[in-house]
């Protein structure tokens, strides 16, 4: 399978294909590298579709994403990428142990996502979980996280409130 071709083979990118690509990619480091190259592709459609497979692959085999965590963190500050890139980057980060050297950048980006009214809800939800996970290491952020959830409660979607409610119960 050539991953780039597989990402572009259909007009609509179904979940089954994203999963098939992710399963293929985690079968070797070289294939995973090929998927990550697609994730970083300048063609929006390729990168967007690869992002979904990257998130599935990282959950299936977390050690495969370890060499690319710096890449994921770098995506969080980009303004020139499709929201799917950021959404799937944060989705991966919420599910893994983030190396300490990236904690500050990840927390800053996630707080920015959660407080911005223009951030898509899925990015906000994954950011909330990522911040909650990091609050175990940095308890000083718990009051800020709680305050942000409470302040935004009335202006946010049901998805935000659902995630926020679960986090508030644990804080």
C-alpha atoms as a PDB file:
ATOM      1  CA  UNK A   1       0.000   0.000   0.000  1.00  0.00           C
ATOM      2  CA  UNK A   2       1.179   3.492  -0.767  1.00  0.00           C
ATOM      3  CA  UNK A   3      -0.285   5.563   2.044  1.00  0.00           C
ATOM      4  CA  UNK A   4      -0.522   8.855   0.147  1.00  0.00           C
ATOM      5  CA  UNK A   5      -2.409   7.183  -2.698  1.00  0.00           C
ATOM      6  CA  UNK A   6      -4.698   5.397  -0.242  1.00  0.00           C
ATOM      7  CA  UNK A   7      -5.499   8.701   1.489  1.00  0.00           C
ATOM      8  CA  UNK A   8      -6.568  10.210  -1.821  1.00  0.00           C
ATOM      9  CA  UNK A   9      -8.267   7.203  -3.406  1.00  0.00           C
ATOM     10  CA  UNK A  10     -11.831   8.058  -2.456  1.00  0.00           C
ATOM     11  CA  UNK A  11     -13.837  11.248  -2.715  1.00  0.00           C
ATOM     12  CA  UNK A  12     -14.981  10.813   0.884  1.00  0.00           C
ATOM     13  CA  UNK A  13     -12.550   9.424   3.451  1.00  0.00           C
ATOM     14  CA  UNK A  14     -14.462   6.761   5.424  1.00  0.00           C
ATOM     15  CA  UNK A  15     -13.526   5.609   8.893  1.00  0.00           C
ATOM     16  CA  UNK A  16     -12.859   2.097   7.608  1.00  0.00           C
ATOM     17  CA  UNK A  17     -10.156   3.404   5.270  1.00  0.00           C
ATOM     18  CA  UNK A  18      -8.599   5.567   8.008  1.00  0.00           C
ATOM     19  CA  UNK A  19      -8.432   2.490  10.237  1.00  0.00           C
ATOM     20  CA  UNK A  20      -7.023   0.314   7.472  1.00  0.00           C
ATOM     21  CA  UNK A  21      -4.279   2.874   6.834  1.00  0.00           C
ATOM     22  CA  UNK A  22      -3.517   3.154  10.548  1.00  0.00           C
ATOM     23  CA  UNK A  23      -3.256  -0.644  10.947  1.00  0.00           C
ATOM     24  CA  UNK A  24      -0.927  -0.782   7.953  1.00  0.00           C
ATOM     25  CA  UNK A  25       1.190   2.114   9.255  1.00  0.00           C
ATOM     26  CA  UNK A  26       1.811   0.592  12.696  1.00  0.00           C
ATOM     27  CA  UNK A  27       3.150  -2.606  11.175  1.00  0.00           C
ATOM     28  CA  UNK A  28       6.604  -1.018  10.748  1.00  0.00           C
ATOM     29  CA  UNK A  29       8.557   2.113  11.591  1.00  0.00           C
ATOM     30  CA  UNK A  30       9.063   2.842   7.890  1.00  0.00           C
ATOM     31  CA  UNK A  31       5.326   2.718   7.212  1.00  0.00           C
ATOM     32  CA  UNK A  32       4.580   4.885  10.212  1.00  0.00           C
ATOM     33  CA  UNK A  33       7.168   7.374   8.976  1.00  0.00           C
ATOM     34  CA  UNK A  34       5.403   7.402   5.604  1.00  0.00           C
ATOM     35  CA  UNK A  35       2.110   8.189   7.359  1.00  0.00           C
ATOM     36  CA  UNK A  36       3.743  10.997   9.334  1.00  0.00           C
ATOM     37  CA  UNK A  37       5.164  12.449   6.120  1.00  0.00           C
ATOM     38  CA  UNK A  38       1.601  12.567   4.780  1.00  0.00           C
ATOM     39  CA  UNK A  39       0.488  14.195   8.046  1.00  0.00           C
ATOM     40  CA  UNK A  40       3.031  16.955   7.358  1.00  0.00           C
ATOM     41  CA  UNK A  41       2.171  17.236   3.659  1.00  0.00           C
ATOM     42  CA  UNK A  42       1.519  20.719   2.314  1.00  0.00           C
ATOM     43  CA  UNK A  43      -1.582  19.490   0.495  1.00  0.00           C
ATOM     44  CA  UNK A  44      -4.395  20.104   2.958  1.00  0.00           C
ATOM     45  CA  UNK A  45      -6.474  17.093   1.961  1.00  0.00           C
ATOM     46  CA  UNK A  46      -3.565  14.683   2.374  1.00  0.00           C
ATOM     47  CA  UNK A  47      -2.561  16.079   5.771  1.00  0.00           C
ATOM     48  CA  UNK A  48      -6.152  16.238   7.002  1.00  0.00           C
ATOM     49  CA  UNK A  49      -6.870  12.632   6.104  1.00  0.00           C
ATOM     50  CA  UNK A  50      -3.531  11.413   7.405  1.00  0.00           C
ATOM     51  CA  UNK A  51      -4.241  13.113  10.737  1.00  0.00           C
ATOM     52  CA  UNK A  52      -7.193  10.818  11.379  1.00  0.00           C
ATOM     53  CA  UNK A  53      -5.088   7.728  10.680  1.00  0.00           C
ATOM     54  CA  UNK A  54      -2.269   9.098  12.858  1.00  0.00           C
ATOM     55  CA  UNK A  55      -4.648   9.440  15.796  1.00  0.00           C
ATOM     56  CA  UNK A  56      -5.892   5.864  15.379  1.00  0.00           C
ATOM     57  CA  UNK A  57      -2.352   4.534  14.921  1.00  0.00           C
ATOM     58  CA  UNK A  58      -1.050   6.359  17.986  1.00  0.00           C
ATOM     59  CA  UNK A  59      -3.811   4.871  20.126  1.00  0.00           C
ATOM     60  CA  UNK A  60      -3.205   1.409  18.707  1.00  0.00           C
ATOM     61  CA  UNK A  61       0.582   1.516  19.201  1.00  0.00           C
ATOM     62  CA  UNK A  62       1.561   4.490  21.406  1.00  0.00           C
ATOM     63  CA  UNK A  63       5.326   3.844  21.176  1.00  0.00           C
ATOM     64  CA  UNK A  64       5.172   4.528  17.421  1.00  0.00           C
ATOM     65  CA  UNK A  65       4.255   8.186  18.010  1.00  0.00           C
ATOM     66  CA  UNK A  66       7.014   8.834  20.565  1.00  0.00           C
ATOM     67  CA  UNK A  67       9.633  10.039  18.044  1.00  0.00           C
ATOM     68  CA  UNK A  68       7.036  12.420  16.571  1.00  0.00           C
ATOM     69  CA  UNK A  69       5.709  14.118  19.705  1.00  0.00           C
ATOM     70  CA  UNK A  70       7.699  17.248  18.892  1.00  0.00           C
ATOM     71  CA  UNK A  71       5.920  17.344  15.519  1.00  0.00           C
ATOM     72  CA  UNK A  72       2.503  17.023  17.173  1.00  0.00           C
ATOM     73  CA  UNK A  73       3.271  19.802  19.631  1.00  0.00           C
ATOM     74  CA  UNK A  74       4.523  22.046  16.833  1.00  0.00           C
ATOM     75  CA  UNK A  75       1.208  21.602  14.996  1.00  0.00           C
ATOM     76  CA  UNK A  76      -0.665  23.132  17.929  1.00  0.00           C
ATOM     77  CA  UNK A  77       0.687  26.612  17.242  1.00  0.00           C
ATOM     78  CA  UNK A  78       0.119  26.577  13.483  1.00  0.00           C
ATOM     79  CA  UNK A  79      -2.563  28.810  12.024  1.00  0.00           C
ATOM     80  CA  UNK A  80      -2.113  27.620   8.446  1.00  0.00           C
ATOM     81  CA  UNK A  81      -3.407  24.061   8.870  1.00  0.00           C
ATOM     82  CA  UNK A  82      -6.858  22.511   8.747  1.00  0.00           C
ATOM     83  CA  UNK A  83      -8.499  22.136  12.187  1.00  0.00           C
ATOM     84  CA  UNK A  84      -8.384  18.349  11.693  1.00  0.00           C
ATOM     85  CA  UNK A  85      -4.611  18.487  12.051  1.00  0.00           C
ATOM     86  CA  UNK A  86      -4.852  20.254  15.396  1.00  0.00           C
ATOM     87  CA  UNK A  87      -7.831  18.184  16.559  1.00  0.00           C
ATOM     88  CA  UNK A  88      -6.047  14.896  15.929  1.00  0.00           C
ATOM     89  CA  UNK A  89      -2.783  16.184  17.388  1.00  0.00           C
ATOM     90  CA  UNK A  90      -4.534  17.083  20.654  1.00  0.00           C
ATOM     91  CA  UNK A  91      -6.465  13.793  20.524  1.00  0.00           C
ATOM     92  CA  UNK A  92      -3.160  11.927  20.498  1.00  0.00           C
ATOM     93  CA  UNK A  93      -1.666  14.110  23.235  1.00  0.00           C
ATOM     94  CA  UNK A  94      -4.622  13.494  25.535  1.00  0.00           C
ATOM     95  CA  UNK A  95      -4.006   9.756  25.304  1.00  0.00           C
ATOM     96  CA  UNK A  96      -0.251   9.550  25.854  1.00  0.00           C
ATOM     97  CA  UNK A  97       2.347  10.461  28.442  1.00  0.00           C
ATOM     98  CA  UNK A  98       3.735  13.724  27.131  1.00  0.00           C
ATOM     99  CA  UNK A  99       7.478  14.175  27.727  1.00  0.00           C
ATOM    100  CA  UNK A 100       8.196  16.869  30.303  1.00  0.00           C
ATOM    101  CA  UNK A 101      10.022  19.115  27.828  1.00  0.00           C
ATOM    102  CA  UNK A 102       6.714  19.730  26.026  1.00  0.00           C
ATOM    103  CA  UNK A 103       4.437  20.275  29.031  1.00  0.00           C
ATOM    104  CA  UNK A 104       4.627  24.074  28.965  1.00  0.00           C
ATOM    105  CA  UNK A 105       3.926  24.385  25.236  1.00  0.00           C
ATOM    106  CA  UNK A 106       1.073  21.891  25.411  1.00  0.00           C
ATOM    107  CA  UNK A 107      -0.537  23.580  28.425  1.00  0.00           C
ATOM    108  CA  UNK A 108      -0.281  27.028  26.827  1.00  0.00           C
ATOM    109  CA  UNK A 109      -1.782  25.811  23.571  1.00  0.00           C
ATOM    110  CA  UNK A 110      -4.587  23.914  25.313  1.00  0.00           C
ATOM    111  CA  UNK A 111      -5.509  26.854  27.543  1.00  0.00           C
ATOM    112  CA  UNK A 112      -5.581  29.061  24.416  1.00  0.00           C
ATOM    113  CA  UNK A 113      -7.841  26.571  22.615  1.00  0.00           C
ATOM    114  CA  UNK A 114     -10.241  26.252  25.536  1.00  0.00           C
ATOM    115  CA  UNK A 115     -10.607  29.999  26.017  1.00  0.00           C
ATOM    116  CA  UNK A 116     -10.900  30.982  22.364  1.00  0.00           C
ATOM    117  CA  UNK A 117     -14.478  31.367  21.124  1.00  0.00           C
ATOM    118  CA  UNK A 118     -13.432  30.318  17.612  1.00  0.00           C
ATOM    119  CA  UNK A 119     -11.853  26.985  18.534  1.00  0.00           C
ATOM    120  CA  UNK A 120     -13.885  24.013  17.245  1.00  0.00           C
ATOM    121  CA  UNK A 121     -15.533  22.087  20.071  1.00  0.00           C
ATOM    122  CA  UNK A 122     -13.647  18.822  19.524  1.00  0.00           C
ATOM    123  CA  UNK A 123     -10.334  20.637  19.951  1.00  0.00           C
ATOM    124  CA  UNK A 124     -11.667  22.238  23.142  1.00  0.00           C
ATOM    125  CA  UNK A 125     -12.825  18.875  24.511  1.00  0.00           C
ATOM    126  CA  UNK A 126      -9.502  17.152  23.832  1.00  0.00           C
ATOM    127  CA  UNK A 127      -7.682  20.167  25.276  1.00  0.00           C
ATOM    128  CA  UNK A 128      -9.723  19.975  28.478  1.00  0.00           C
ATOM    129  CA  UNK A 129      -8.753  16.342  28.932  1.00  0.00           C
ATOM    130  CA  UNK A 130      -5.115  17.036  28.129  1.00  0.00           C
ATOM    131  CA  UNK A 131      -5.052  19.840  30.704  1.00  0.00           C
ATOM    132  CA  UNK A 132      -6.762  17.635  33.263  1.00  0.00           C
ATOM    133  CA  UNK A 133      -4.180  14.904  32.656  1.00  0.00           C
ATOM    134  CA  UNK A 134      -1.345  17.394  33.105  1.00  0.00           C
ATOM    135  CA  UNK A 135      -2.955  18.752  36.279  1.00  0.00           C
ATOM    136  CA  UNK A 136      -1.880  15.538  38.014  1.00  0.00           C
ATOM    137  CA  UNK A 137       1.702  16.715  37.517  1.00  0.00           C
ATOM    138  CA  UNK A 138       0.944  20.430  37.899  1.00  0.00           C
ATOM    139  CA  UNK A 139      -1.776  20.802  40.546  1.00  0.00           C
ATOM    140  CA  UNK A 140      -1.408  24.598  40.354  1.00  0.00           C
ATOM    141  CA  UNK A 141      -3.364  24.580  37.076  1.00  0.00           C
ATOM    142  CA  UNK A 142      -6.421  22.907  38.625  1.00  0.00           C
ATOM    143  CA  UNK A 143      -8.026  26.152  39.877  1.00  0.00           C
ATOM    144  CA  UNK A 144      -7.488  27.819  36.501  1.00  0.00           C
ATOM    145  CA  UNK A 145      -8.941  24.842  34.653  1.00  0.00           C
ATOM    146  CA  UNK A 146     -11.946  24.782  36.976  1.00  0.00           C
ATOM    147  CA  UNK A 147     -12.479  28.532  36.575  1.00  0.00           C
ATOM    148  CA  UNK A 148     -12.327  28.373  32.785  1.00  0.00           C
ATOM    149  CA  UNK A 149     -14.860  25.543  32.642  1.00  0.00           C
ATOM    150  CA  UNK A 150     -17.223  27.378  34.991  1.00  0.00           C
ATOM    151  CA  UNK A 151     -16.850  30.742  33.206  1.00  0.00           C
ATOM    152  CA  UNK A 152     -17.506  29.258  29.790  1.00  0.00           C
ATOM    153  CA  UNK A 153     -20.267  26.910  30.896  1.00  0.00           C
ATOM    154  CA  UNK A 154     -23.246  29.013  29.747  1.00  0.00           C
ATOM    155  CA  UNK A 155     -21.728  29.925  26.388  1.00  0.00           C
ATOM    156  CA  UNK A 156     -20.501  26.509  25.326  1.00  0.00           C
ATOM    157  CA  UNK A 157     -21.982  23.486  23.611  1.00  0.00           C
ATOM    158  CA  UNK A 158     -23.384  20.375  25.239  1.00  0.00           C
ATOM    159  CA  UNK A 159     -20.181  18.524  24.302  1.00  0.00           C
ATOM    160  CA  UNK A 160     -18.051  21.054  26.192  1.00  0.00           C
ATOM    161  CA  UNK A 161     -20.354  20.910  29.220  1.00  0.00           C
ATOM    162  CA  UNK A 162     -20.324  17.114  29.194  1.00  0.00           C
ATOM    163  CA  UNK A 163     -16.536  16.959  29.165  1.00  0.00           C
ATOM    164  CA  UNK A 164     -16.315  19.847  31.631  1.00  0.00           C
ATOM    165  CA  UNK A 165     -18.747  18.185  34.031  1.00  0.00           C
ATOM    166  CA  UNK A 166     -16.662  15.007  34.107  1.00  0.00           C
ATOM    167  CA  UNK A 167     -13.493  16.973  34.724  1.00  0.00           C
ATOM    168  CA  UNK A 168     -15.049  19.152  37.423  1.00  0.00           C
ATOM    169  CA  UNK A 169     -16.188  16.022  39.253  1.00  0.00           C
ATOM    170  CA  UNK A 170     -12.607  14.735  39.276  1.00  0.00           C
ATOM    171  CA  UNK A 171     -11.026  18.044  40.274  1.00  0.00           C
END
